[in-house]
């Protein structure tokens, strides 16, 4: 087992239709507005940005994210990442189980490159996974609140 490799999958049930959720998720530069653990997204160009993230544990991750797939018809957004994490992350938006709402499926497959996390890979792995889970809970809450407020709401960072 590669202790520095992580695979994650989260499913967020959301009330709005997939097209509406996609319209929010495709604006990555606005993630810090509603996702407290995404501290900053700086655009380099139309397909590349630098992302700074920090959850509950006292370390920050910085990655360069490159758009790999933007498919509004299939409702898929995918990036590749290099930096403190190397790998990919993907959003897939599918209609809810009753034909209403959205199931936002987040999948990620990364190898940690940040030195501290590599040194602590074995003993701290449960903490790193819990840290990621906390980040995903914060993102889900923030996105849910933003969508409920009509997607034009004021900054939700303090509410999450």
N, C-alpha and C. Protein backbone atom coordinates (compact mmCIF):
# COMPACT_ATOMS: atom_id res chain seq x y z
N UNK A 1 0.84 -1.19 0.00
CA UNK A 1 0.00 0.00 0.00
C UNK A 1 0.88 1.25 0.00
N UNK A 2 0.52 2.20 -0.84
CA UNK A 2 1.21 3.49 -0.85
C UNK A 2 0.53 4.39 0.18
N UNK A 3 1.16 4.60 1.32
CA UNK A 3 0.57 5.36 2.42
C UNK A 3 0.38 6.82 2.08
N UNK A 4 1.00 7.28 1.00
CA UNK A 4 0.88 8.69 0.60
C UNK A 4 -0.19 8.90 -0.47
N UNK A 5 -0.88 7.84 -0.84
CA UNK A 5 -1.94 7.94 -1.84
C UNK A 5 -3.30 7.91 -1.15
N UNK A 6 -4.17 8.80 -1.62
CA UNK A 6 -5.52 8.89 -1.06
C UNK A 6 -6.53 8.88 -2.19
N UNK A 7 -7.59 8.12 -1.97
CA UNK A 7 -8.73 8.12 -2.88
C UNK A 7 -9.95 8.47 -2.05
N UNK A 8 -10.69 9.47 -2.52
CA UNK A 8 -11.87 9.92 -1.79
C UNK A 8 -13.06 9.93 -2.72
N UNK A 9 -14.23 9.71 -2.12
CA UNK A 9 -15.50 9.84 -2.85
C UNK A 9 -16.53 10.35 -1.88
N UNK A 10 -17.16 11.46 -2.24
CA UNK A 10 -18.23 12.04 -1.42
C UNK A 10 -19.44 12.27 -2.32
N UNK A 11 -20.63 12.07 -1.77
CA UNK A 11 -21.87 12.33 -2.50
C UNK A 11 -22.66 13.34 -1.69
N UNK A 12 -22.97 14.46 -2.33
CA UNK A 12 -23.72 15.52 -1.68
C UNK A 12 -25.11 15.60 -2.31
N UNK A 13 -26.17 15.23 -1.59
CA UNK A 13 -27.52 15.44 -2.12
C UNK A 13 -27.87 16.93 -2.01
N UNK A 14 -28.27 17.52 -3.11
CA UNK A 14 -28.59 18.95 -3.16
C UNK A 14 -29.96 19.14 -3.79
N UNK A 15 -30.68 20.17 -3.36
CA UNK A 15 -32.04 20.40 -3.86
C UNK A 15 -32.11 20.92 -5.30
N UNK A 16 -31.25 21.86 -5.71
CA UNK A 16 -31.38 22.40 -7.07
C UNK A 16 -31.05 21.37 -8.16
N UNK A 17 -31.49 21.69 -9.36
CA UNK A 17 -31.22 20.84 -10.53
C UNK A 17 -29.72 20.82 -10.84
N UNK A 18 -29.25 19.74 -11.49
CA UNK A 18 -27.82 19.62 -11.82
C UNK A 18 -27.25 20.82 -12.59
N UNK A 19 -28.02 21.39 -13.49
CA UNK A 19 -27.52 22.53 -14.28
C UNK A 19 -27.19 23.72 -13.38
N UNK A 20 -28.01 23.94 -12.39
CA UNK A 20 -27.78 25.06 -11.47
C UNK A 20 -26.55 24.81 -10.60
N UNK A 21 -26.41 23.59 -10.11
CA UNK A 21 -25.25 23.24 -9.30
C UNK A 21 -23.98 23.34 -10.14
N UNK A 22 -24.04 22.85 -11.38
CA UNK A 22 -22.89 22.93 -12.28
C UNK A 22 -22.46 24.38 -12.48
N UNK A 23 -23.42 25.27 -12.65
CA UNK A 23 -23.11 26.69 -12.88
C UNK A 23 -22.33 27.29 -11.71
N UNK A 24 -22.59 26.81 -10.50
CA UNK A 24 -21.84 27.29 -9.33
C UNK A 24 -20.46 26.62 -9.28
N UNK A 25 -20.43 25.30 -9.45
CA UNK A 25 -19.17 24.56 -9.31
C UNK A 25 -18.15 24.89 -10.40
N UNK A 26 -18.62 25.32 -11.57
CA UNK A 26 -17.65 25.62 -12.62
C UNK A 26 -16.90 26.94 -12.37
N UNK A 27 -17.36 27.74 -11.42
CA UNK A 27 -16.70 29.01 -11.08
C UNK A 27 -15.74 28.79 -9.91
N UNK A 28 -14.65 28.10 -10.18
CA UNK A 28 -13.70 27.71 -9.13
C UNK A 28 -13.13 28.90 -8.38
N UNK A 29 -12.97 30.03 -9.03
CA UNK A 29 -12.42 31.20 -8.36
C UNK A 29 -13.34 31.71 -7.25
N UNK A 30 -14.60 31.27 -7.24
CA UNK A 30 -15.55 31.68 -6.20
C UNK A 30 -15.67 30.67 -5.06
N UNK A 31 -14.96 29.55 -5.12
CA UNK A 31 -15.05 28.55 -4.05
C UNK A 31 -14.76 29.14 -2.67
N UNK A 32 -13.76 30.01 -2.51
CA UNK A 32 -13.51 30.55 -1.16
C UNK A 32 -14.71 31.32 -0.59
N UNK A 33 -15.59 31.78 -1.44
CA UNK A 33 -16.80 32.49 -1.00
C UNK A 33 -17.72 31.60 -0.18
N UNK A 34 -17.79 30.32 -0.53
CA UNK A 34 -18.72 29.42 0.14
C UNK A 34 -18.06 28.20 0.79
N UNK A 35 -16.80 27.91 0.46
CA UNK A 35 -16.12 26.73 1.01
C UNK A 35 -15.00 27.23 1.91
N UNK A 36 -15.21 27.27 3.22
CA UNK A 36 -14.25 27.90 4.14
C UNK A 36 -12.84 27.32 4.08
N UNK A 37 -12.70 26.05 3.78
CA UNK A 37 -11.38 25.43 3.76
C UNK A 37 -10.61 25.71 2.48
N UNK A 38 -11.29 26.19 1.46
CA UNK A 38 -10.60 26.65 0.24
C UNK A 38 -10.29 28.12 0.49
N UNK A 39 -9.07 28.40 0.85
CA UNK A 39 -8.70 29.74 1.31
C UNK A 39 -8.52 30.73 0.17
N UNK A 40 -8.00 30.25 -0.97
CA UNK A 40 -7.73 31.17 -2.07
C UNK A 40 -7.65 30.39 -3.38
N UNK A 41 -8.20 30.98 -4.43
CA UNK A 41 -8.05 30.46 -5.78
C UNK A 41 -7.59 31.64 -6.63
N UNK A 42 -6.39 31.52 -7.17
CA UNK A 42 -5.82 32.58 -8.02
C UNK A 42 -5.71 32.05 -9.44
N UNK A 43 -6.44 32.68 -10.33
CA UNK A 43 -6.38 32.28 -11.74
C UNK A 43 -5.03 32.64 -12.35
N UNK A 44 -4.46 31.69 -13.08
CA UNK A 44 -3.26 31.94 -13.86
C UNK A 44 -3.67 32.28 -15.29
N UNK A 45 -4.62 31.49 -15.81
CA UNK A 45 -5.22 31.75 -17.12
C UNK A 45 -6.59 31.08 -17.14
N UNK A 46 -7.18 30.91 -18.31
CA UNK A 46 -8.54 30.36 -18.40
C UNK A 46 -8.65 28.90 -17.95
N UNK A 47 -7.53 28.18 -17.91
CA UNK A 47 -7.57 26.75 -17.59
C UNK A 47 -6.72 26.35 -16.39
N UNK A 48 -6.00 27.31 -15.81
CA UNK A 48 -5.07 27.01 -14.72
C UNK A 48 -5.26 27.98 -13.57
N UNK A 49 -5.16 27.46 -12.34
CA UNK A 49 -5.24 28.30 -11.16
C UNK A 49 -4.41 27.70 -10.03
N UNK A 50 -4.09 28.53 -9.06
CA UNK A 50 -3.39 28.07 -7.87
C UNK A 50 -4.39 28.10 -6.71
N UNK A 51 -4.46 26.99 -5.99
CA UNK A 51 -5.45 26.82 -4.92
C UNK A 51 -4.72 26.58 -3.60
N UNK A 52 -5.10 27.37 -2.59
CA UNK A 52 -4.62 27.17 -1.22
C UNK A 52 -5.76 26.64 -0.37
N UNK A 53 -5.51 25.55 0.38
CA UNK A 53 -6.54 24.92 1.20
C UNK A 53 -5.99 24.65 2.60
N UNK A 54 -6.89 24.76 3.57
CA UNK A 54 -6.54 24.38 4.94
C UNK A 54 -7.83 23.99 5.66
N UNK A 55 -7.79 22.84 6.30
CA UNK A 55 -8.94 22.38 7.06
C UNK A 55 -8.64 22.51 8.55
N UNK A 56 -8.93 21.51 9.35
CA UNK A 56 -8.79 21.60 10.80
C UNK A 56 -7.35 21.47 11.28
N UNK A 57 -6.55 20.64 10.63
CA UNK A 57 -5.17 20.45 11.06
C UNK A 57 -4.31 21.65 10.67
N UNK A 58 -3.24 21.90 11.42
CA UNK A 58 -2.44 23.12 11.20
C UNK A 58 -1.42 23.02 10.07
N UNK A 59 -1.90 22.73 8.87
CA UNK A 59 -1.04 22.79 7.69
C UNK A 59 -1.89 23.23 6.51
N UNK A 60 -1.22 23.80 5.54
CA UNK A 60 -1.89 24.28 4.34
C UNK A 60 -1.39 23.47 3.15
N UNK A 61 -2.28 23.24 2.20
CA UNK A 61 -1.91 22.59 0.95
C UNK A 61 -2.05 23.60 -0.17
N UNK A 62 -1.09 23.58 -1.07
CA UNK A 62 -1.13 24.47 -2.23
C UNK A 62 -0.94 23.62 -3.48
N UNK A 63 -1.85 23.77 -4.43
CA UNK A 63 -1.75 23.01 -5.68
C UNK A 63 -1.97 23.94 -6.87
N UNK A 64 -1.38 23.55 -7.97
CA UNK A 64 -1.71 24.17 -9.25
C UNK A 64 -2.72 23.25 -9.91
N UNK A 65 -3.91 23.78 -10.16
CA UNK A 65 -5.00 23.00 -10.74
C UNK A 65 -5.15 23.36 -12.21
N UNK A 66 -5.21 22.33 -13.03
CA UNK A 66 -5.38 22.51 -14.47
C UNK A 66 -6.66 21.84 -14.92
N UNK A 67 -7.47 22.59 -15.63
CA UNK A 67 -8.72 22.03 -16.14
C UNK A 67 -8.41 20.87 -17.07
N UNK A 68 -8.99 19.71 -16.79
CA UNK A 68 -8.82 18.53 -17.64
C UNK A 68 -10.09 18.26 -18.45
N UNK A 69 -11.23 18.57 -17.84
CA UNK A 69 -12.50 18.35 -18.53
C UNK A 69 -13.54 19.30 -17.98
N UNK A 70 -14.22 19.97 -18.89
CA UNK A 70 -15.36 20.84 -18.56
C UNK A 70 -16.44 20.47 -19.56
N UNK A 71 -17.42 19.71 -19.09
CA UNK A 71 -18.44 19.15 -19.98
C UNK A 71 -19.82 19.46 -19.41
N UNK A 72 -20.42 20.61 -19.81
CA UNK A 72 -21.73 20.96 -19.27
C UNK A 72 -22.83 19.96 -19.65
N UNK A 73 -22.73 19.34 -20.82
CA UNK A 73 -23.76 18.38 -21.24
C UNK A 73 -23.74 17.14 -20.34
N UNK A 74 -22.55 16.65 -20.02
CA UNK A 74 -22.42 15.48 -19.15
C UNK A 74 -22.38 15.89 -17.67
N UNK A 75 -22.27 17.20 -17.42
CA UNK A 75 -22.18 17.76 -16.07
C UNK A 75 -20.98 17.20 -15.30
N UNK A 76 -19.82 17.28 -15.96
CA UNK A 76 -18.57 16.80 -15.36
C UNK A 76 -17.56 17.93 -15.38
N UNK A 77 -16.90 18.14 -14.24
CA UNK A 77 -15.79 19.07 -14.11
C UNK A 77 -14.62 18.29 -13.52
N UNK A 78 -13.48 18.34 -14.19
CA UNK A 78 -12.32 17.58 -13.71
C UNK A 78 -11.06 18.43 -13.83
N UNK A 79 -10.20 18.29 -12.81
CA UNK A 79 -8.92 18.97 -12.82
C UNK A 79 -7.80 17.96 -12.56
N UNK A 80 -6.59 18.32 -12.99
CA UNK A 80 -5.39 17.65 -12.53
C UNK A 80 -4.69 18.60 -11.59
N UNK A 81 -3.95 18.05 -10.64
CA UNK A 81 -3.27 18.87 -9.64
C UNK A 81 -1.80 18.49 -9.56
N UNK A 82 -0.98 19.51 -9.34
CA UNK A 82 0.42 19.30 -9.03
C UNK A 82 0.78 20.23 -7.87
N UNK A 83 1.79 19.86 -7.14
CA UNK A 83 2.20 20.67 -5.99
C UNK A 83 2.20 19.81 -4.75
N UNK A 84 1.56 20.26 -3.69
CA UNK A 84 1.49 19.48 -2.45
C UNK A 84 0.69 18.20 -2.64
N UNK A 85 -0.18 18.19 -3.63
CA UNK A 85 -0.93 17.00 -4.04
C UNK A 85 -0.75 16.83 -5.54
N UNK A 86 -0.48 15.61 -5.98
CA UNK A 86 -0.43 15.29 -7.41
C UNK A 86 -1.54 14.30 -7.70
N UNK A 87 -2.34 14.59 -8.69
CA UNK A 87 -3.41 13.67 -9.05
C UNK A 87 -4.55 14.40 -9.71
N UNK A 88 -5.76 14.00 -9.41
CA UNK A 88 -6.94 14.59 -10.05
C UNK A 88 -8.10 14.65 -9.07
N UNK A 89 -9.06 15.51 -9.41
CA UNK A 89 -10.32 15.61 -8.69
C UNK A 89 -11.42 15.85 -9.73
N UNK A 90 -12.62 15.33 -9.42
CA UNK A 90 -13.71 15.42 -10.39
C UNK A 90 -15.04 15.61 -9.68
N UNK A 91 -15.87 16.48 -10.26
CA UNK A 91 -17.28 16.59 -9.89
C UNK A 91 -18.09 15.92 -10.99
N UNK A 92 -19.03 15.08 -10.60
CA UNK A 92 -20.04 14.53 -11.52
C UNK A 92 -21.39 14.87 -10.91
N UNK A 93 -22.24 15.47 -11.69
CA UNK A 93 -23.56 15.88 -11.20
C UNK A 93 -24.62 15.05 -11.89
N UNK A 94 -25.38 14.34 -11.09
CA UNK A 94 -26.42 13.48 -11.65
C UNK A 94 -27.75 13.83 -11.00
N UNK A 95 -28.85 13.59 -11.73
CA UNK A 95 -30.16 13.88 -11.13
C UNK A 95 -30.36 13.07 -9.86
N UNK A 96 -31.11 13.66 -8.94
CA UNK A 96 -31.40 13.00 -7.67
C UNK A 96 -32.16 11.71 -7.87
N UNK A 97 -32.23 10.87 -6.85
CA UNK A 97 -32.82 9.54 -6.98
C UNK A 97 -34.31 9.55 -7.32
N UNK A 98 -35.01 10.62 -7.02
CA UNK A 98 -36.44 10.71 -7.34
C UNK A 98 -36.69 11.58 -8.57
N UNK A 99 -35.63 11.86 -9.30
CA UNK A 99 -35.77 12.69 -10.50
C UNK A 99 -35.75 14.18 -10.21
N UNK A 100 -35.54 14.56 -8.95
CA UNK A 100 -35.43 15.97 -8.61
C UNK A 100 -34.12 16.18 -7.86
N UNK A 101 -33.65 17.40 -7.89
CA UNK A 101 -32.41 17.70 -7.18
C UNK A 101 -31.19 17.12 -7.88
N UNK A 102 -30.11 17.07 -7.14
CA UNK A 102 -28.82 16.66 -7.70
C UNK A 102 -28.07 15.80 -6.71
N UNK A 103 -27.38 14.83 -7.22
CA UNK A 103 -26.36 14.11 -6.47
C UNK A 103 -25.02 14.63 -6.99
N UNK A 104 -24.33 15.43 -6.18
CA UNK A 104 -23.01 15.95 -6.57
C UNK A 104 -21.98 14.95 -6.07
N UNK A 105 -21.33 14.26 -7.00
CA UNK A 105 -20.36 13.23 -6.65
C UNK A 105 -18.97 13.82 -6.82
N UNK A 106 -18.21 13.88 -5.73
CA UNK A 106 -16.83 14.38 -5.76
C UNK A 106 -15.91 13.18 -5.60
N UNK A 107 -14.99 13.04 -6.56
CA UNK A 107 -14.01 11.95 -6.52
C UNK A 107 -12.63 12.55 -6.63
N UNK A 108 -11.69 11.96 -5.91
CA UNK A 108 -10.33 12.48 -5.90
C UNK A 108 -9.36 11.32 -5.75
N UNK A 109 -8.26 11.37 -6.50
CA UNK A 109 -7.19 10.38 -6.39
C UNK A 109 -5.89 11.17 -6.43
N UNK A 110 -5.19 11.21 -5.28
CA UNK A 110 -3.99 12.04 -5.18
C UNK A 110 -2.87 11.32 -4.43
N UNK A 111 -1.67 11.76 -4.71
CA UNK A 111 -0.49 11.37 -3.96
C UNK A 111 0.01 12.63 -3.27
N UNK A 112 0.24 12.51 -1.97
CA UNK A 112 0.70 13.65 -1.18
C UNK A 112 2.19 13.87 -1.44
N UNK A 113 2.56 15.11 -1.72
CA UNK A 113 3.95 15.49 -1.94
C UNK A 113 4.48 16.38 -0.81
N UNK A 114 3.60 16.93 -0.01
CA UNK A 114 4.01 17.81 1.09
C UNK A 114 4.87 16.98 2.07
N UNK A 115 6.07 17.47 2.34
CA UNK A 115 7.05 16.72 3.12
C UNK A 115 6.51 16.27 4.48
N UNK A 116 5.93 17.17 5.25
CA UNK A 116 5.42 16.82 6.57
C UNK A 116 4.41 15.68 6.50
N UNK A 117 3.52 15.73 5.54
CA UNK A 117 2.50 14.69 5.42
C UNK A 117 3.12 13.36 4.99
N UNK A 118 4.18 13.41 4.21
CA UNK A 118 4.85 12.17 3.80
C UNK A 118 5.57 11.54 5.00
N UNK A 119 6.21 12.37 5.81
CA UNK A 119 6.92 11.86 6.99
C UNK A 119 5.93 11.21 7.96
N UNK A 120 4.76 11.81 8.10
CA UNK A 120 3.75 11.32 9.04
C UNK A 120 2.71 10.41 8.38
N UNK A 121 3.00 9.94 7.17
CA UNK A 121 2.02 9.20 6.38
C UNK A 121 1.36 8.04 7.12
N UNK A 122 2.13 7.23 7.80
CA UNK A 122 1.55 6.05 8.45
C UNK A 122 0.85 6.42 9.77
N UNK A 123 1.53 7.07 10.72
CA UNK A 123 0.85 7.30 11.99
C UNK A 123 -0.30 8.32 11.92
N UNK A 124 -0.22 9.26 11.00
CA UNK A 124 -1.24 10.32 10.96
C UNK A 124 -2.31 10.09 9.89
N UNK A 125 -2.24 8.99 9.17
CA UNK A 125 -3.22 8.75 8.10
C UNK A 125 -4.67 8.90 8.57
N UNK A 126 -5.07 8.33 9.72
CA UNK A 126 -6.46 8.53 10.15
C UNK A 126 -6.79 10.00 10.39
N UNK A 127 -5.84 10.77 10.90
CA UNK A 127 -6.07 12.21 11.09
C UNK A 127 -6.21 12.93 9.76
N UNK A 128 -5.38 12.56 8.78
CA UNK A 128 -5.46 13.20 7.47
C UNK A 128 -6.80 12.90 6.80
N UNK A 129 -7.27 11.68 6.94
CA UNK A 129 -8.57 11.32 6.37
C UNK A 129 -9.70 12.07 7.08
N UNK A 130 -9.61 12.18 8.40
CA UNK A 130 -10.62 12.93 9.16
C UNK A 130 -10.58 14.41 8.78
N UNK A 131 -9.39 14.94 8.54
CA UNK A 131 -9.24 16.33 8.12
C UNK A 131 -9.93 16.56 6.77
N UNK A 132 -9.76 15.61 5.86
CA UNK A 132 -10.41 15.71 4.56
C UNK A 132 -11.93 15.64 4.73
N UNK A 133 -12.40 14.75 5.59
CA UNK A 133 -13.85 14.64 5.83
C UNK A 133 -14.41 15.94 6.38
N UNK A 134 -13.67 16.59 7.27
CA UNK A 134 -14.11 17.88 7.81
C UNK A 134 -14.18 18.93 6.70
N UNK A 135 -13.21 18.90 5.81
CA UNK A 135 -13.22 19.84 4.68
C UNK A 135 -14.44 19.61 3.80
N UNK A 136 -14.76 18.37 3.54
CA UNK A 136 -15.90 18.07 2.69
C UNK A 136 -17.21 18.47 3.37
N UNK A 137 -17.32 18.28 4.66
CA UNK A 137 -18.54 18.72 5.37
C UNK A 137 -18.70 20.24 5.27
N UNK A 138 -17.59 20.96 5.43
CA UNK A 138 -17.64 22.41 5.31
C UNK A 138 -18.06 22.85 3.92
N UNK A 139 -17.54 22.18 2.90
CA UNK A 139 -17.92 22.51 1.53
C UNK A 139 -19.38 22.22 1.25
N UNK A 140 -19.85 21.09 1.72
CA UNK A 140 -21.26 20.74 1.50
C UNK A 140 -22.19 21.75 2.18
N UNK A 141 -21.88 22.11 3.43
CA UNK A 141 -22.70 23.10 4.13
C UNK A 141 -22.70 24.43 3.40
N UNK A 142 -21.51 24.88 3.01
CA UNK A 142 -21.41 26.17 2.33
C UNK A 142 -22.15 26.20 1.00
N UNK A 143 -22.00 25.14 0.22
CA UNK A 143 -22.68 25.08 -1.08
C UNK A 143 -24.20 25.00 -0.88
N UNK A 144 -24.64 24.20 0.07
CA UNK A 144 -26.07 24.09 0.35
C UNK A 144 -26.65 25.46 0.72
N UNK A 145 -25.96 26.20 1.58
CA UNK A 145 -26.43 27.52 1.99
C UNK A 145 -26.42 28.50 0.83
N UNK A 146 -25.38 28.47 0.03
CA UNK A 146 -25.29 29.37 -1.12
C UNK A 146 -26.44 29.11 -2.10
N UNK A 147 -26.68 27.84 -2.40
CA UNK A 147 -27.76 27.50 -3.33
C UNK A 147 -29.13 27.87 -2.76
N UNK A 148 -29.32 27.67 -1.46
CA UNK A 148 -30.60 28.03 -0.83
C UNK A 148 -30.82 29.53 -0.84
N UNK A 149 -29.74 30.29 -0.80
CA UNK A 149 -29.84 31.75 -0.79
C UNK A 149 -30.00 32.33 -2.20
N UNK A 150 -29.97 31.47 -3.19
CA UNK A 150 -30.18 31.93 -4.55
C UNK A 150 -28.92 32.17 -5.34
N UNK A 151 -27.78 31.68 -4.88
CA UNK A 151 -26.50 31.76 -5.60
C UNK A 151 -25.97 33.17 -5.75
N UNK A 152 -26.64 34.17 -5.24
CA UNK A 152 -26.11 35.53 -5.31
C UNK A 152 -25.93 36.08 -3.92
N UNK A 153 -25.92 35.18 -2.95
CA UNK A 153 -25.88 35.61 -1.55
C UNK A 153 -24.53 36.20 -1.18
N UNK A 154 -24.55 36.88 -0.06
CA UNK A 154 -23.31 37.45 0.47
C UNK A 154 -22.40 36.32 0.93
N UNK A 155 -21.20 36.66 1.27
CA UNK A 155 -20.18 35.70 1.71
C UNK A 155 -20.73 34.82 2.81
N UNK A 156 -20.58 33.49 2.64
CA UNK A 156 -21.09 32.52 3.60
C UNK A 156 -20.00 31.98 4.51
N UNK A 157 -18.78 32.46 4.41
CA UNK A 157 -17.67 31.92 5.20
C UNK A 157 -18.00 31.97 6.68
N UNK A 158 -18.57 33.05 7.18
CA UNK A 158 -18.86 33.16 8.60
C UNK A 158 -20.01 32.27 9.04
N UNK A 159 -20.86 31.89 8.11
CA UNK A 159 -22.04 31.09 8.46
C UNK A 159 -21.73 29.59 8.52
N UNK A 160 -20.59 29.20 8.01
CA UNK A 160 -20.28 27.76 7.93
C UNK A 160 -19.50 27.33 9.14
